[in-house]
């Protein structure tokens, strides 16, 4: 018990470092130009949500420090969404409602992506990506397949990485697929 009381706590700097890498990866042009992710507010949210999911998926069931980092990462993501919407001129009354809807949608995505990663084939993952990442935008099946492969690769890479690195704010994603066409 005393060990837990006096252990170093996950730092806000570590969480900020993770989130900075997530956002940088989510903004890579290859996702939008080569893989057909809509270059819009919704598309960019989906990319941040997807990469945040991958990190949260890795942190899941890794102990109290990982839980704390995960919660702080979630909180930071939605504080950033709130700030971004306000900077774009959304009214104060509408921002809270929109962020709440985004958070609810994020929980749905977590469930869909978790379930899909449990399956050996990519059919469910491709369907989840088509529904969430691409929404109503028509996209080539090759792009969806490339993104499904990317998500599996990144989930496996994060699973193989020591959780201590994430707790310290160290994160590295691989490159996006070259093209889905």
C-alpha atoms as a PDB file:
ATOM      1  CA  UNK A   1       0.000   0.000   0.000  1.00  0.00           C
ATOM      2  CA  UNK A   2       2.748   2.473   0.873  1.00  0.00           C
ATOM      3  CA  UNK A   3       4.508   1.554  -2.366  1.00  0.00           C
ATOM      4  CA  UNK A   4       1.493   2.760  -4.327  1.00  0.00           C
ATOM      5  CA  UNK A   5       1.293   5.932  -2.243  1.00  0.00           C
ATOM      6  CA  UNK A   6       4.872   6.974  -2.891  1.00  0.00           C
ATOM      7  CA  UNK A   7       5.333   5.816  -6.479  1.00  0.00           C
ATOM      8  CA  UNK A   8       5.874   8.496  -9.101  1.00  0.00           C
ATOM      9  CA  UNK A   9       2.641   9.514 -10.778  1.00  0.00           C
ATOM     10  CA  UNK A  10       2.265   9.600 -14.541  1.00  0.00           C
ATOM     11  CA  UNK A  11       3.047  13.135 -15.605  1.00  0.00           C
ATOM     12  CA  UNK A  12       0.975  15.528 -17.621  1.00  0.00           C
ATOM     13  CA  UNK A  13       4.075  16.038 -19.783  1.00  0.00           C
ATOM     14  CA  UNK A  14       4.008  12.341 -20.702  1.00  0.00           C
ATOM     15  CA  UNK A  15       0.352  12.608 -21.712  1.00  0.00           C
ATOM     16  CA  UNK A  16       1.021  15.780 -23.711  1.00  0.00           C
ATOM     17  CA  UNK A  17       3.891  13.989 -25.463  1.00  0.00           C
ATOM     18  CA  UNK A  18       1.659  11.057 -26.405  1.00  0.00           C
ATOM     19  CA  UNK A  19      -1.069  13.354 -27.667  1.00  0.00           C
ATOM     20  CA  UNK A  20       1.380  15.421 -29.723  1.00  0.00           C
ATOM     21  CA  UNK A  21       2.588  12.265 -31.498  1.00  0.00           C
ATOM     22  CA  UNK A  22      -1.015  11.107 -32.044  1.00  0.00           C
ATOM     23  CA  UNK A  23      -2.006  14.420 -33.604  1.00  0.00           C
ATOM     24  CA  UNK A  24       1.135  14.599 -35.752  1.00  0.00           C
ATOM     25  CA  UNK A  25       0.502  11.084 -37.073  1.00  0.00           C
ATOM     26  CA  UNK A  26      -3.185  11.793 -37.671  1.00  0.00           C
ATOM     27  CA  UNK A  27      -2.290  14.869 -39.724  1.00  0.00           C
ATOM     28  CA  UNK A  28       0.069  13.090 -42.136  1.00  0.00           C
ATOM     29  CA  UNK A  29      -1.042  14.012 -45.663  1.00  0.00           C
ATOM     30  CA  UNK A  30      -0.744  10.420 -46.941  1.00  0.00           C
ATOM     31  CA  UNK A  31      -3.897   9.457 -45.056  1.00  0.00           C
ATOM     32  CA  UNK A  32      -5.884  12.104 -46.880  1.00  0.00           C
ATOM     33  CA  UNK A  33      -4.267  12.172 -50.310  1.00  0.00           C
ATOM     34  CA  UNK A  34      -3.375   8.520 -50.772  1.00  0.00           C
ATOM     35  CA  UNK A  35      -5.945   6.692 -48.669  1.00  0.00           C
ATOM     36  CA  UNK A  36      -9.052   8.798 -49.191  1.00  0.00           C
ATOM     37  CA  UNK A  37      -9.685   9.871 -45.599  1.00  0.00           C
ATOM     38  CA  UNK A  38     -11.844  13.005 -45.885  1.00  0.00           C
ATOM     39  CA  UNK A  39      -9.724  16.106 -45.313  1.00  0.00           C
ATOM     40  CA  UNK A  40     -12.396  17.737 -43.197  1.00  0.00           C
ATOM     41  CA  UNK A  41     -13.120  18.428 -39.545  1.00  0.00           C
ATOM     42  CA  UNK A  42     -14.811  15.033 -39.280  1.00  0.00           C
ATOM     43  CA  UNK A  43     -12.035  13.200 -41.119  1.00  0.00           C
ATOM     44  CA  UNK A  44      -9.367  14.749 -38.948  1.00  0.00           C
ATOM     45  CA  UNK A  45     -11.328  13.920 -35.803  1.00  0.00           C
ATOM     46  CA  UNK A  46     -11.622  10.327 -37.007  1.00  0.00           C
ATOM     47  CA  UNK A  47      -7.873  10.068 -37.522  1.00  0.00           C
ATOM     48  CA  UNK A  48      -7.109  11.468 -34.068  1.00  0.00           C
ATOM     49  CA  UNK A  49      -9.751   9.155 -32.580  1.00  0.00           C
ATOM     50  CA  UNK A  50      -8.296   6.121 -34.372  1.00  0.00           C
ATOM     51  CA  UNK A  51      -4.755   6.789 -33.181  1.00  0.00           C
ATOM     52  CA  UNK A  52      -5.937   7.595 -29.668  1.00  0.00           C
ATOM     53  CA  UNK A  53      -7.843   4.307 -29.676  1.00  0.00           C
ATOM     54  CA  UNK A  54      -4.657   2.437 -30.612  1.00  0.00           C
ATOM     55  CA  UNK A  55      -2.830   3.903 -27.617  1.00  0.00           C
ATOM     56  CA  UNK A  56      -5.742   3.302 -25.242  1.00  0.00           C
ATOM     57  CA  UNK A  57      -6.025  -0.262 -26.559  1.00  0.00           C
ATOM     58  CA  UNK A  58      -2.376  -0.823 -25.614  1.00  0.00           C
ATOM     59  CA  UNK A  59      -2.791   0.713 -22.173  1.00  0.00           C
ATOM     60  CA  UNK A  60      -5.887  -1.352 -21.381  1.00  0.00           C
ATOM     61  CA  UNK A  61      -5.458  -3.661 -18.371  1.00  0.00           C
ATOM     62  CA  UNK A  62      -1.865  -2.577 -17.730  1.00  0.00           C
ATOM     63  CA  UNK A  63      -2.384  -1.328 -14.197  1.00  0.00           C
ATOM     64  CA  UNK A  64      -3.292   1.886 -12.394  1.00  0.00           C
ATOM     65  CA  UNK A  65      -0.604   4.066 -13.990  1.00  0.00           C
ATOM     66  CA  UNK A  66      -1.733   3.020 -17.460  1.00  0.00           C
ATOM     67  CA  UNK A  67      -5.359   3.657 -16.498  1.00  0.00           C
ATOM     68  CA  UNK A  68      -4.429   7.126 -15.288  1.00  0.00           C
ATOM     69  CA  UNK A  69      -2.481   7.913 -18.474  1.00  0.00           C
ATOM     70  CA  UNK A  70      -5.391   6.627 -20.553  1.00  0.00           C
ATOM     71  CA  UNK A  71      -7.898   8.804 -18.723  1.00  0.00           C
ATOM     72  CA  UNK A  72      -5.648  11.855 -18.970  1.00  0.00           C
ATOM     73  CA  UNK A  73      -5.153  11.189 -22.692  1.00  0.00           C
ATOM     74  CA  UNK A  74      -8.910  10.972 -23.214  1.00  0.00           C
ATOM     75  CA  UNK A  75      -9.426  14.194 -21.243  1.00  0.00           C
ATOM     76  CA  UNK A  76      -6.707  16.010 -23.185  1.00  0.00           C
ATOM     77  CA  UNK A  77      -8.118  14.858 -26.520  1.00  0.00           C
ATOM     78  CA  UNK A  78     -11.554  16.226 -25.736  1.00  0.00           C
ATOM     79  CA  UNK A  79     -10.214  19.426 -24.190  1.00  0.00           C
ATOM     80  CA  UNK A  80      -8.348  19.922 -27.481  1.00  0.00           C
ATOM     81  CA  UNK A  81     -11.533  19.239 -29.454  1.00  0.00           C
ATOM     82  CA  UNK A  82     -13.380  21.805 -27.322  1.00  0.00           C
ATOM     83  CA  UNK A  83     -10.611  24.371 -27.855  1.00  0.00           C
ATOM     84  CA  UNK A  84     -10.484  23.702 -31.605  1.00  0.00           C
ATOM     85  CA  UNK A  85     -14.238  24.107 -32.030  1.00  0.00           C
ATOM     86  CA  UNK A  86     -14.150  27.385 -30.108  1.00  0.00           C
ATOM     87  CA  UNK A  87     -11.255  28.650 -32.240  1.00  0.00           C
ATOM     88  CA  UNK A  88     -13.293  27.860 -35.347  1.00  0.00           C
ATOM     89  CA  UNK A  89     -16.034  30.101 -34.010  1.00  0.00           C
ATOM     90  CA  UNK A  90     -18.558  27.628 -32.676  1.00  0.00           C
ATOM     91  CA  UNK A  91     -20.840  29.238 -30.112  1.00  0.00           C
ATOM     92  CA  UNK A  92     -20.341  28.481 -26.427  1.00  0.00           C
ATOM     93  CA  UNK A  93     -23.692  26.727 -26.110  1.00  0.00           C
ATOM     94  CA  UNK A  94     -23.082  24.517 -29.117  1.00  0.00           C
ATOM     95  CA  UNK A  95     -19.528  23.489 -28.258  1.00  0.00           C
ATOM     96  CA  UNK A  96     -20.361  21.553 -25.111  1.00  0.00           C
ATOM     97  CA  UNK A  97     -23.107  19.637 -26.884  1.00  0.00           C
ATOM     98  CA  UNK A  98     -20.892  18.881 -29.881  1.00  0.00           C
ATOM     99  CA  UNK A  99     -17.995  17.691 -27.715  1.00  0.00           C
ATOM    100  CA  UNK A 100     -20.375  15.499 -25.725  1.00  0.00           C
ATOM    101  CA  UNK A 101     -21.617  13.935 -28.990  1.00  0.00           C
ATOM    102  CA  UNK A 102     -18.013  13.421 -30.119  1.00  0.00           C
ATOM    103  CA  UNK A 103     -17.157  11.673 -26.847  1.00  0.00           C
ATOM    104  CA  UNK A 104     -20.195   9.420 -27.139  1.00  0.00           C
ATOM    105  CA  UNK A 105     -19.208   8.593 -30.710  1.00  0.00           C
ATOM    106  CA  UNK A 106     -15.647   7.889 -29.603  1.00  0.00           C
ATOM    107  CA  UNK A 107     -16.872   5.289 -27.113  1.00  0.00           C
ATOM    108  CA  UNK A 108     -18.788   3.635 -29.947  1.00  0.00           C
ATOM    109  CA  UNK A 109     -15.665   3.582 -32.098  1.00  0.00           C
ATOM    110  CA  UNK A 110     -13.653   2.041 -29.275  1.00  0.00           C
ATOM    111  CA  UNK A 111     -16.188  -0.770 -29.032  1.00  0.00           C
ATOM    112  CA  UNK A 112     -16.237  -1.357 -32.781  1.00  0.00           C
ATOM    113  CA  UNK A 113     -12.444  -1.283 -33.168  1.00  0.00           C
ATOM    114  CA  UNK A 114     -11.898  -3.505 -30.088  1.00  0.00           C
ATOM    115  CA  UNK A 115     -14.341  -6.097 -31.398  1.00  0.00           C
ATOM    116  CA  UNK A 116     -12.802  -5.953 -34.873  1.00  0.00           C
ATOM    117  CA  UNK A 117      -9.240  -6.436 -33.610  1.00  0.00           C
ATOM    118  CA  UNK A 118     -10.353  -9.595 -31.809  1.00  0.00           C
ATOM    119  CA  UNK A 119     -11.203 -11.185 -35.174  1.00  0.00           C
ATOM    120  CA  UNK A 120      -8.571 -12.981 -37.234  1.00  0.00           C
ATOM    121  CA  UNK A 121      -9.715 -11.611 -40.582  1.00  0.00           C
ATOM    122  CA  UNK A 122     -10.138  -7.977 -41.520  1.00  0.00           C
ATOM    123  CA  UNK A 123     -13.802  -7.998 -42.598  1.00  0.00           C
ATOM    124  CA  UNK A 124     -15.126  -6.509 -39.344  1.00  0.00           C
ATOM    125  CA  UNK A 125     -12.227  -4.059 -39.082  1.00  0.00           C
ATOM    126  CA  UNK A 126     -12.739  -2.947 -42.676  1.00  0.00           C
ATOM    127  CA  UNK A 127     -16.454  -2.437 -41.992  1.00  0.00           C
ATOM    128  CA  UNK A 128     -15.707  -0.407 -38.838  1.00  0.00           C
ATOM    129  CA  UNK A 129     -13.202   1.756 -40.709  1.00  0.00           C
ATOM    130  CA  UNK A 130     -15.571   2.216 -43.651  1.00  0.00           C
ATOM    131  CA  UNK A 131     -18.376   3.240 -41.308  1.00  0.00           C
ATOM    132  CA  UNK A 132     -16.355   5.528 -39.030  1.00  0.00           C
ATOM    133  CA  UNK A 133     -13.236   6.745 -40.787  1.00  0.00           C
ATOM    134  CA  UNK A 134     -14.792   7.180 -44.194  1.00  0.00           C
ATOM    135  CA  UNK A 135     -18.421   7.733 -43.181  1.00  0.00           C
ATOM    136  CA  UNK A 136     -20.532   8.468 -46.219  1.00  0.00           C
ATOM    137  CA  UNK A 137     -17.571   9.232 -48.494  1.00  0.00           C
ATOM    138  CA  UNK A 138     -17.157   6.657 -51.256  1.00  0.00           C
ATOM    139  CA  UNK A 139     -13.707   5.088 -51.054  1.00  0.00           C
ATOM    140  CA  UNK A 140     -11.858   2.340 -52.880  1.00  0.00           C
ATOM    141  CA  UNK A 141     -11.849  -1.068 -51.212  1.00  0.00           C
ATOM    142  CA  UNK A 142      -8.065  -1.021 -51.546  1.00  0.00           C
ATOM    143  CA  UNK A 143      -7.904   2.067 -49.335  1.00  0.00           C
ATOM    144  CA  UNK A 144     -10.035   0.415 -46.674  1.00  0.00           C
ATOM    145  CA  UNK A 145      -7.904  -2.742 -46.859  1.00  0.00           C
ATOM    146  CA  UNK A 146      -4.714  -0.676 -46.600  1.00  0.00           C
ATOM    147  CA  UNK A 147      -6.062   1.142 -43.536  1.00  0.00           C
ATOM    148  CA  UNK A 148      -7.146  -2.151 -41.930  1.00  0.00           C
ATOM    149  CA  UNK A 149      -3.632  -3.505 -42.438  1.00  0.00           C
ATOM    150  CA  UNK A 150      -2.182  -0.312 -40.974  1.00  0.00           C
ATOM    151  CA  UNK A 151      -4.408  -0.513 -37.877  1.00  0.00           C
ATOM    152  CA  UNK A 152      -3.468  -4.156 -37.286  1.00  0.00           C
ATOM    153  CA  UNK A 153       0.224  -3.399 -37.779  1.00  0.00           C
ATOM    154  CA  UNK A 154       0.153  -0.470 -35.359  1.00  0.00           C
ATOM    155  CA  UNK A 155      -1.853  -2.396 -32.749  1.00  0.00           C
ATOM    156  CA  UNK A 156       0.698  -5.241 -32.940  1.00  0.00           C
ATOM    157  CA  UNK A 157       3.618  -2.820 -32.783  1.00  0.00           C
ATOM    158  CA  UNK A 158       2.206  -1.090 -29.712  1.00  0.00           C
ATOM    159  CA  UNK A 159       1.432  -4.456 -28.084  1.00  0.00           C
ATOM    160  CA  UNK A 160       5.069  -5.465 -28.514  1.00  0.00           C
ATOM    161  CA  UNK A 161       6.413  -2.190 -27.112  1.00  0.00           C
ATOM    162  CA  UNK A 162       7.086  -1.948 -23.373  1.00  0.00           C
ATOM    163  CA  UNK A 163       4.251  -0.141 -21.637  1.00  0.00           C
ATOM    164  CA  UNK A 164       6.811   1.838 -19.615  1.00  0.00           C
ATOM    165  CA  UNK A 165       7.644   3.829 -22.739  1.00  0.00           C
ATOM    166  CA  UNK A 166       4.045   4.946 -23.114  1.00  0.00           C
ATOM    167  CA  UNK A 167       3.845   5.794 -19.432  1.00  0.00           C
ATOM    168  CA  UNK A 168       6.871   8.026 -19.952  1.00  0.00           C
ATOM    169  CA  UNK A 169       5.276   9.686 -22.988  1.00  0.00           C
ATOM    170  CA  UNK A 170       7.287   7.877 -25.664  1.00  0.00           C
ATOM    171  CA  UNK A 171       5.345   6.800 -28.719  1.00  0.00           C
ATOM    172  CA  UNK A 172       6.237   6.064 -32.300  1.00  0.00           C
ATOM    173  CA  UNK A 173       3.901   5.068 -35.082  1.00  0.00           C
ATOM    174  CA  UNK A 174       5.014   3.506 -38.318  1.00  0.00           C
ATOM    175  CA  UNK A 175       4.457   5.187 -41.669  1.00  0.00           C
ATOM    176  CA  UNK A 176       1.033   5.232 -43.270  1.00  0.00           C
ATOM    177  CA  UNK A 177       0.435   2.791 -46.096  1.00  0.00           C
ATOM    178  CA  UNK A 178       1.788   4.118 -49.380  1.00  0.00           C
ATOM    179  CA  UNK A 179      -1.543   4.191 -51.155  1.00  0.00           C
ATOM    180  CA  UNK A 180      -4.856   2.457 -51.216  1.00  0.00           C
ATOM    181  CA  UNK A 181      -5.246   2.744 -54.972  1.00  0.00           C
END
